[in-house]
Amino acid sequence: MKKAIAALLTMGLSVSLLAGCGSGKESATEAKTEAKTEAATEAKTEAKTEAATEAKTEAKTEAATEAETEAKTESATEAKTEAAAEDKTEAANVDADKVYNIGICQLVQHDALDAATKGFKEALVEKLGEDHVKFDEQNASGDSAACATIVNQFVSADVDLILANATASLQAAASATDKIPILGTSITDYATALEIDDWNGTTGKNISGTADLAPLAEQAAMLHELFPDAKTVGLLYCSAEANSAYQAQTIQKELEGFGYKCNTYTFADSNDIASVTNSAISECEVLYVPTDNTAASNTEVINNICEPAGIPVIAGEEGICKGCGVATLSISYYDIGYKAGEMAYDILVNGADITTMAIESAPNVTKEYIPSRCEALKITPPDDYVAIETE
C-alpha cells in the first residue's frame, strides 16, 4: 500500500514537472513573439517617422527653392518693368511731333573719337526714339579750319544742340555761338581748351560735356612701374593741340618727381612727325605720347621708327597704344560719348541748365599692354595689366 501511494505521488510530481516545463516553453515563445512584434512595430514607427521627416524636409526644401525662384523671377520682372517704365517715361516726355536736330563735328576719323560719337548717338536714340532725333554728322579730317566751317553751318541751320568731338571742334563751336547748347567729348581739359582761368568744374557758358583724361599721376606711376631704371623720357606731341601741351606739362612734373629727366619734342603737323620722332629716340630711353589727335592719325609712322630702335612708347589712350605703344592707362571712349548723350537728353527734354552742368569723366581706367611689343622689348607687365592686340 505504501509503495502504491509512493508511486502515485511520484507520477503526480512528474506530471506537474512536465506541465511546468510545457508552460515555460509557451512563456518563452510568447515573450519572443511579443519582442518581435514590438521590434517590428518600433521599426515601422521609426520608418514612418523618418519617412515623414524626410517628406517634410523635402517639402520645405522644395518650398524654399520655389520661393527663391519666384523671388528671383519677380525681381527680374520688376527690374525689366522698371526699365521699361523709365523708357516709357522718357518717351512720354518727348513731344510726339518733335524732332531734335543735332549737329556733330568730329575732328578726325579715329577709333577713339568714332567710339565717342557712336556712344553719343546711341544714347540719344535710346532715350528719344529714332523718330525724334536727326543727326548731321560731319568730319573735319583733322583740319581745324574745317571745324569752323562745319559748326558755322550748324549755327546757320539753327540746330538744337552741337556735339563737339575733340578739342579743335569744341573751340570752333565756342567761337561760333553762345546760344546753342554745346557738349564736348574726347576733351582732355576744358579749362585749357576754353582758356578759363578760374576753373571750378563748370564753364558758366553754353558748354559742358565729358573729358577723356586718364589720371596723369597714374600714367606717370605706370611708366615708372615698367621702366624704373630709365633716365630720360621724351614727351612727343603736336604743338597745335592745346590739350596735348597741357598733358605733357602736367605729366612732366609727375615724372620729374620719380627722378626722370624729361625732354619735349613737338611737331606742328603730320609732315614733320618722322623727323621729330627720330630726334626723340636718339636722346631718350622711353617716349610718352599723350591723347593727341595728330599722333593718333600717324601711329604707323611713329611705330616704324621706335620699334626697330627698341624704344618703348607709353600712350595716353588705347588707340595710340595699339598703333605704336607698349602700354596705356585706358578709358572707354564709348562710355564718355554715351554719357554726353545722356546729358544732351537732360538739356533738350528736361530743360537742364547747361551753364551749371559739371564736366563728367570716365568712371574707370584700365592698365593695358601690347603682348607682342612687350615680348620683343623684354618687358614683363605686372598681373593687373590687361592684354590688348595691335591694330
Protein backbone atom coordinates (compact mmCIF):
# COMPACT_ATOMS: atom_id res chain seq x y z
CA MET A 1 0.00 0.00 0.00
CA LYS A 2 2.75 2.40 0.91
CA LYS A 3 4.56 1.51 -2.26
CA ALA A 4 1.42 2.24 -4.29
CA ILE A 5 0.96 5.59 -2.67
CA ALA A 6 4.59 6.47 -3.26
CA ALA A 7 4.28 5.52 -6.88
CA LEU A 8 1.22 7.67 -7.29
CA LEU A 9 2.93 10.62 -5.68
CA THR A 10 5.94 10.19 -7.94
CA MET A 11 3.70 10.11 -11.02
CA GLY A 12 1.88 13.25 -9.89
CA LEU A 13 5.13 15.08 -9.39
CA SER A 14 6.34 14.09 -12.84
CA VAL A 15 3.13 15.27 -14.43
CA SER A 16 3.42 18.52 -12.57
CA LEU A 17 7.01 18.99 -13.70
CA LEU A 18 6.08 18.18 -17.26
CA ALA A 19 3.25 20.63 -17.12
CA GLY A 20 5.59 23.25 -15.71
CA CYS A 21 8.12 22.65 -18.49
CA GLY A 22 5.39 22.98 -21.09
CA SER A 23 4.20 26.19 -19.54
CA GLY A 24 7.79 27.62 -19.53
CA LYS A 25 8.25 26.89 -23.20
CA GLU A 26 4.98 28.62 -24.03
CA SER A 27 6.00 31.65 -21.97
CA ALA A 28 9.35 31.88 -23.77
CA THR A 29 7.65 31.59 -27.13
CA GLU A 30 5.15 34.28 -26.20
CA ALA A 31 7.99 36.53 -24.98
CA LYS A 32 9.88 36.08 -28.22
CA THR A 33 6.76 36.75 -30.24
CA GLU A 34 5.98 39.85 -28.24
CA ALA A 35 9.60 41.09 -28.62
CA LYS A 36 9.48 40.53 -32.36
CA THR A 37 6.15 42.27 -32.58
CA GLU A 38 7.37 45.19 -30.53
CA ALA A 39 10.61 45.44 -32.59
CA ALA A 40 8.65 45.31 -35.82
CA THR A 41 6.24 47.90 -34.53
CA GLU A 42 9.09 50.14 -33.42
CA ALA A 43 10.88 49.68 -36.76
CA LYS A 44 7.70 50.54 -38.64
CA THR A 45 7.14 53.53 -36.40
CA GLU A 46 10.73 54.71 -36.90
CA ALA A 47 10.47 54.15 -40.64
CA LYS A 48 7.24 56.10 -40.76
CA THR A 49 8.76 58.85 -38.64
CA GLU A 50 11.87 59.03 -40.84
CA ALA A 51 9.76 58.99 -43.97
CA ALA A 52 7.57 61.73 -42.58
CA THR A 53 10.61 63.76 -41.56
CA GLU A 54 12.22 63.31 -44.98
CA ALA A 55 8.97 64.22 -46.66
CA LYS A 56 8.69 67.35 -44.54
CA THR A 57 12.33 68.26 -45.22
CA GLU A 58 11.89 67.72 -48.96
CA ALA A 59 8.70 69.72 -48.88
CA LYS A 60 10.42 72.55 -47.05
CA THR A 61 13.41 72.44 -49.42
CA GLU A 62 11.14 72.43 -52.47
CA ALA A 63 9.10 75.24 -50.97
CA ALA A 64 12.24 77.25 -50.24
CA THR A 65 13.58 76.61 -53.75
CA GLU A 66 10.27 77.58 -55.30
CA ALA A 67 10.13 80.69 -53.14
CA GLU A 68 13.69 81.63 -54.11
CA THR A 69 12.95 81.02 -57.79
CA GLU A 70 9.76 83.05 -57.57
CA ALA A 71 11.62 85.84 -55.77
CA LYS A 72 14.34 85.91 -58.44
CA THR A 73 11.74 85.83 -61.20
CA GLU A 74 9.74 88.59 -59.55
CA SER A 75 12.92 90.63 -59.02
CA ALA A 76 13.96 90.23 -62.66
CA THR A 77 10.44 91.03 -63.81
CA GLU A 78 10.33 94.11 -61.61
CA ALA A 79 13.72 95.25 -62.92
CA LYS A 80 12.54 94.83 -66.51
CA THR A 81 9.28 96.55 -65.70
CA GLU A 82 11.09 99.45 -64.06
CA ALA A 83 13.48 99.78 -67.01
CA ALA A 84 10.57 99.68 -69.43
CA ALA A 85 8.72 102.21 -67.30
CA GLU A 86 11.73 104.52 -67.36
CA ASP A 87 11.94 104.21 -71.14
CA LYS A 88 8.22 104.90 -71.43
CA THR A 89 8.53 107.87 -69.09
CA GLU A 90 11.39 109.28 -71.13
CA ALA A 91 9.48 108.68 -74.35
CA ALA A 92 6.39 110.26 -72.82
CA ASN A 93 8.39 113.38 -72.01
CA VAL A 94 9.19 113.86 -75.70
CA ASP A 95 6.77 115.92 -77.77
CA ALA A 96 5.05 113.48 -80.14
CA ASP A 97 5.79 115.70 -83.15
CA LYS A 98 9.20 116.97 -82.08
CA VAL A 99 12.35 116.01 -84.00
CA TYR A 100 15.59 117.23 -82.44
CA ASN A 101 18.29 118.27 -84.90
CA ILE A 102 21.80 117.56 -83.63
CA GLY A 103 24.99 118.73 -85.32
CA ILE A 104 28.08 116.58 -84.75
CA CYS A 105 31.53 117.95 -85.56
CA GLN A 106 34.28 115.33 -85.22
CA LEU A 107 37.85 116.49 -85.77
CA VAL A 108 39.21 113.36 -87.42
CA GLN A 109 38.30 109.75 -88.11
CA HIS A 110 39.92 107.63 -85.42
CA ASP A 111 38.80 104.64 -83.34
CA ALA A 112 38.59 106.57 -80.07
CA LEU A 113 36.64 109.52 -81.49
CA ASP A 114 34.46 107.19 -83.56
CA ALA A 115 33.54 105.28 -80.39
CA ALA A 116 32.61 108.51 -78.57
CA THR A 117 30.35 109.63 -81.43
CA LYS A 118 28.73 106.19 -81.54
CA GLY A 119 28.04 106.22 -77.80
CA PHE A 120 26.52 109.71 -78.02
CA LYS A 121 24.18 108.81 -80.87
CA GLU A 122 23.07 105.52 -79.33
CA ALA A 123 22.25 107.17 -76.00
CA LEU A 124 20.03 109.78 -77.67
CA VAL A 125 18.30 107.25 -79.93
CA GLU A 126 17.56 105.05 -76.91
CA LYS A 127 16.14 107.93 -74.90
CA LEU A 128 14.34 109.92 -77.60
CA GLY A 129 13.43 107.21 -80.08
CA GLU A 130 14.87 107.14 -83.59
CA ASP A 131 11.88 109.07 -84.96
CA HIS A 132 12.61 112.03 -82.68
CA VAL A 133 16.26 112.76 -83.44
CA LYS A 134 18.17 113.61 -86.60
CA PHE A 135 21.97 113.78 -86.75
CA ASP A 136 24.06 115.88 -89.12
CA GLU A 137 27.46 114.24 -88.65
CA GLN A 138 30.48 115.98 -90.18
CA ASN A 139 34.19 115.06 -90.08
CA ALA A 140 36.85 117.77 -90.39
CA SER A 141 39.59 115.33 -91.48
CA GLY A 142 41.99 116.79 -88.94
CA ASP A 143 41.65 120.37 -90.22
CA SER A 144 40.86 122.96 -87.53
CA ALA A 145 39.68 125.46 -90.17
CA ALA A 146 37.20 122.88 -91.43
CA CYS A 147 35.81 122.59 -87.89
CA ALA A 148 34.92 126.29 -88.00
CA THR A 149 33.18 125.87 -91.36
CA ILE A 150 31.19 122.89 -90.10
CA VAL A 151 29.93 124.47 -86.87
CA ASN A 152 29.03 127.71 -88.65
CA GLN A 153 26.79 125.62 -90.90
CA PHE A 154 25.16 124.15 -87.79
CA VAL A 155 24.56 127.63 -86.39
CA SER A 156 23.01 128.77 -89.68
CA ALA A 157 20.75 125.72 -89.62
CA ASP A 158 19.79 126.59 -86.02
CA VAL A 159 20.33 123.06 -84.73
CA ASP A 160 19.05 122.18 -81.27
CA LEU A 161 22.45 121.10 -79.94
CA ILE A 162 26.05 120.67 -81.13
CA LEU A 163 28.33 117.78 -80.18
CA ALA A 164 31.97 118.84 -80.49
CA ASN A 165 34.16 115.74 -80.62
CA ALA A 166 37.79 116.72 -79.80
CA THR A 167 39.33 120.00 -78.69
CA ALA A 168 39.54 121.80 -82.04
CA SER A 169 35.85 121.10 -82.65
CA LEU A 170 34.97 122.46 -79.20
CA GLN A 171 36.99 125.63 -79.71
CA ALA A 172 35.37 126.23 -83.11
CA ALA A 173 31.87 125.71 -81.68
CA ALA A 174 32.57 128.01 -78.73
CA SER A 175 33.62 130.76 -81.15
CA ALA A 176 30.59 130.23 -83.39
CA THR A 177 27.74 130.51 -80.87
CA ASP A 178 26.99 131.44 -77.29
CA LYS A 179 23.34 130.42 -77.51
CA ILE A 180 23.07 126.90 -78.94
CA PRO A 181 23.97 124.26 -76.30
CA ILE A 182 27.39 122.72 -76.97
CA LEU A 183 28.51 119.40 -75.49
CA GLY A 184 32.12 118.36 -75.85
CA THR A 185 33.51 114.84 -75.72
CA SER A 186 37.04 113.46 -76.05
CA ILE A 187 38.25 116.70 -74.45
CA THR A 188 41.26 116.41 -72.18
CA ASP A 189 40.96 119.67 -70.24
CA TYR A 190 38.10 122.15 -70.69
CA ALA A 191 39.82 124.92 -68.76
CA THR A 192 42.78 124.82 -71.13
CA ALA A 193 40.69 124.39 -74.27
CA LEU A 194 38.39 127.30 -73.40
CA GLU A 195 41.04 129.43 -71.66
CA ILE A 196 39.17 129.54 -68.35
CA ASP A 197 41.49 130.66 -65.56
CA ASP A 198 39.19 130.30 -62.57
CA TRP A 199 38.11 126.70 -63.10
CA ASN A 200 35.53 125.14 -60.76
CA GLY A 201 34.28 122.18 -62.81
CA THR A 202 31.67 124.07 -64.86
CA THR A 203 32.16 126.51 -67.72
CA GLY A 204 29.45 129.02 -66.81
CA LYS A 205 28.70 129.15 -70.55
CA ASN A 206 26.55 127.29 -73.07
CA ILE A 207 29.12 124.47 -72.89
CA SER A 208 29.53 121.26 -70.91
CA GLY A 209 30.44 117.67 -71.76
CA THR A 210 32.73 114.77 -70.95
CA ALA A 211 36.51 114.53 -70.55
CA ASP A 212 38.82 111.77 -71.78
CA LEU A 213 41.77 112.36 -69.48
CA ALA A 214 43.06 109.32 -67.60
CA PRO A 215 44.75 110.49 -64.36
CA LEU A 216 48.19 111.77 -65.36
CA ALA A 217 49.70 110.93 -61.97
CA GLU A 218 48.68 107.30 -62.52
CA GLN A 219 50.12 107.35 -66.05
CA ALA A 220 53.45 108.58 -64.68
CA ALA A 221 53.37 105.88 -61.99
CA MET A 222 52.71 103.26 -64.67
CA LEU A 223 55.71 104.42 -66.71
CA HIS A 224 57.88 104.20 -63.59
CA GLU A 225 56.47 100.77 -62.79
CA LEU A 226 57.53 99.44 -66.20
CA PHE A 227 60.80 101.38 -66.62
CA PRO A 228 62.24 102.08 -63.16
CA ASP A 229 65.84 102.16 -64.46
CA ALA A 230 65.32 104.59 -67.34
CA LYS A 231 66.87 108.05 -67.01
CA THR A 232 65.37 110.18 -69.81
CA VAL A 233 61.76 110.33 -71.05
CA GLY A 234 60.77 112.08 -74.29
CA LEU A 235 57.39 113.86 -74.45
CA LEU A 236 56.19 113.68 -78.07
CA TYR A 237 53.10 115.63 -79.22
CA CYS A 238 51.59 118.17 -81.63
CA SER A 239 52.25 121.80 -80.69
CA ALA A 240 48.96 122.88 -82.32
CA GLU A 241 46.88 120.91 -79.81
CA ALA A 242 46.42 122.78 -76.53
CA ASN A 243 45.30 119.73 -74.59
CA SER A 244 48.36 117.77 -75.66
CA ALA A 245 50.59 120.52 -74.30
CA TYR A 246 48.61 120.51 -71.05
CA GLN A 247 49.11 116.76 -70.63
CA ALA A 248 52.82 116.94 -71.42
CA GLN A 249 53.41 119.78 -68.97
CA THR A 250 51.42 118.07 -66.22
CA ILE A 251 52.96 114.63 -66.57
CA GLN A 252 56.45 116.14 -66.78
CA LYS A 253 56.10 117.33 -63.19
CA GLU A 254 54.94 113.87 -62.12
CA LEU A 255 57.81 112.13 -63.94
CA GLU A 256 60.39 114.51 -62.53
CA GLY A 257 59.08 113.53 -59.12
CA PHE A 258 60.24 109.98 -59.91
CA GLY A 259 63.68 111.31 -60.83
CA TYR A 260 63.36 111.23 -64.63
CA LYS A 261 64.80 113.88 -66.92
CA CYS A 262 62.13 114.94 -69.45
CA ASN A 263 62.75 116.31 -72.96
CA THR A 264 59.98 117.85 -75.07
CA TYR A 265 59.61 117.07 -78.80
CA THR A 266 56.80 118.79 -80.71
CA PHE A 267 55.66 118.62 -84.33
CA ALA A 268 53.46 121.24 -85.99
CA ASP A 269 51.59 118.74 -88.17
CA SER A 270 51.93 115.29 -89.70
CA ASN A 271 54.63 116.43 -92.12
CA ASP A 272 57.37 116.62 -89.50
CA ILE A 273 56.39 113.71 -87.23
CA ALA A 274 59.11 111.44 -88.64
CA SER A 275 61.98 113.89 -88.19
CA VAL A 276 60.88 114.89 -84.67
CA THR A 277 60.42 111.25 -83.62
CA ASN A 278 63.90 110.38 -84.91
CA SER A 279 65.34 113.16 -82.76
CA ALA A 280 63.45 111.87 -79.73
CA ILE A 281 64.63 108.26 -79.98
CA SER A 282 68.25 109.35 -80.33
CA GLU A 283 68.16 111.11 -76.97
CA CYS A 284 65.65 109.18 -74.82
CA GLU A 285 65.06 105.69 -73.44
CA VAL A 286 61.25 105.91 -73.26
CA LEU A 287 58.70 108.10 -75.10
CA TYR A 288 55.36 109.34 -73.80
CA VAL A 289 52.64 110.29 -76.33
CA PRO A 290 49.52 111.94 -74.81
CA THR A 291 45.97 111.83 -76.19
CA ASP A 292 46.97 113.71 -79.32
CA ASN A 293 44.80 113.62 -82.45
CA THR A 294 47.64 114.21 -84.90
CA ALA A 295 49.72 111.46 -83.31
CA ALA A 296 46.67 109.17 -83.27
CA SER A 297 46.35 109.52 -87.04
CA ASN A 298 50.06 108.80 -87.58
CA THR A 299 50.88 105.94 -85.20
CA GLU A 300 52.30 103.84 -88.03
CA VAL A 301 54.95 106.49 -88.71
CA ILE A 302 55.89 106.62 -85.02
CA ASN A 303 55.94 102.83 -84.67
CA ASN A 304 58.10 102.31 -87.76
CA ILE A 305 60.76 104.50 -86.14
CA CYS A 306 60.51 103.44 -82.48
CA GLU A 307 60.09 99.68 -82.82
CA PRO A 308 63.27 98.96 -84.84
CA ALA A 309 65.22 101.23 -82.47
CA GLY A 310 63.92 99.34 -79.42
CA ILE A 311 62.41 102.47 -77.85
CA PRO A 312 59.13 101.81 -75.96
CA VAL A 313 56.18 104.23 -76.13
CA ILE A 314 53.73 104.81 -73.28
CA ALA A 315 50.48 106.08 -74.81
CA GLY A 316 47.84 108.39 -73.39
CA GLU A 317 44.98 106.31 -74.81
CA GLU A 318 44.21 102.86 -76.20
CA GLY A 319 44.09 103.74 -79.91
CA ILE A 320 47.58 105.25 -79.90
CA CYS A 321 48.83 102.31 -77.84
CA LYS A 322 47.53 99.82 -80.40
CA GLY A 323 49.28 101.74 -83.15
CA CYS A 324 52.70 102.33 -81.59
CA GLY A 325 52.72 101.80 -77.82
CA VAL A 326 53.63 99.11 -75.33
CA ALA A 327 51.19 100.14 -72.58
CA THR A 328 48.48 102.65 -71.68
CA LEU A 329 46.09 103.66 -68.93
CA SER A 330 42.86 103.39 -70.86
CA ILE A 331 39.30 104.70 -70.62
CA SER A 332 36.21 103.80 -72.66
CA TYR A 333 35.51 106.46 -75.29
CA TYR A 334 32.15 104.86 -75.98
CA ASP A 335 31.20 105.42 -72.34
CA ILE A 336 32.12 109.11 -72.31
CA GLY A 337 30.22 109.59 -75.58
CA TYR A 338 27.21 107.79 -74.13
CA LYS A 339 27.34 109.99 -71.04
CA ALA A 340 27.38 113.07 -73.28
CA GLY A 341 24.24 111.69 -74.95
CA GLU A 342 22.53 111.39 -71.58
CA MET A 343 23.50 114.97 -70.81
CA ALA A 344 22.05 116.06 -74.16
CA TYR A 345 18.72 114.41 -73.31
CA ASP A 346 18.68 116.17 -69.96
CA ILE A 347 19.23 119.52 -71.68
CA LEU A 348 16.81 119.04 -74.58
CA VAL A 349 13.92 117.33 -72.80
CA ASN A 350 14.25 118.14 -69.11
CA GLY A 351 15.47 121.70 -69.57
CA ALA A 352 18.70 121.26 -67.57
CA ASP A 353 20.83 124.41 -67.32
CA ILE A 354 24.00 123.67 -69.29
CA THR A 355 25.87 126.57 -67.69
CA THR A 356 25.82 124.76 -64.35
CA MET A 357 26.35 121.20 -65.60
CA ALA A 358 29.64 119.76 -64.32
CA ILE A 359 32.10 118.20 -66.73
CA GLU A 360 31.85 114.41 -66.47
CA SER A 361 34.78 111.99 -66.62
CA ALA A 362 35.20 108.30 -67.38
CA PRO A 363 34.29 106.22 -64.30
CA ASN A 364 37.02 103.59 -64.72
CA VAL A 365 40.56 103.23 -66.05
CA THR A 366 42.39 100.05 -67.06
CA LYS A 367 46.09 99.25 -67.37
CA GLU A 368 46.62 97.70 -70.80
CA TYR A 369 49.63 96.36 -72.71
CA ILE A 370 50.57 95.00 -76.14
CA PRO A 371 51.98 91.46 -75.64
CA SER A 372 53.95 91.28 -78.91
CA ARG A 373 55.79 94.58 -78.37
CA CYS A 374 56.42 93.89 -74.69
CA GLU A 375 57.86 90.48 -75.51
CA ALA A 376 60.13 91.95 -78.20
CA LEU A 377 61.44 94.55 -75.74
CA LYS A 378 61.64 92.04 -72.85
CA ILE A 379 59.08 93.96 -70.79
CA THR A 380 57.07 91.94 -68.24
CA PRO A 381 53.96 93.86 -67.11
CA PRO A 382 52.50 93.04 -63.66
CA ASP A 383 49.45 90.77 -63.39
CA ASP A 384 46.96 93.65 -63.18
CA TYR A 385 47.63 94.67 -66.81
CA VAL A 386 45.14 93.58 -69.48
CA ALA A 387 46.45 92.36 -72.83
CA ILE A 388 45.16 94.09 -75.99
CA GLU A 389 46.01 93.47 -79.63
CA THR A 390 47.69 95.78 -82.12
CA GLU A 391 45.67 97.40 -84.89
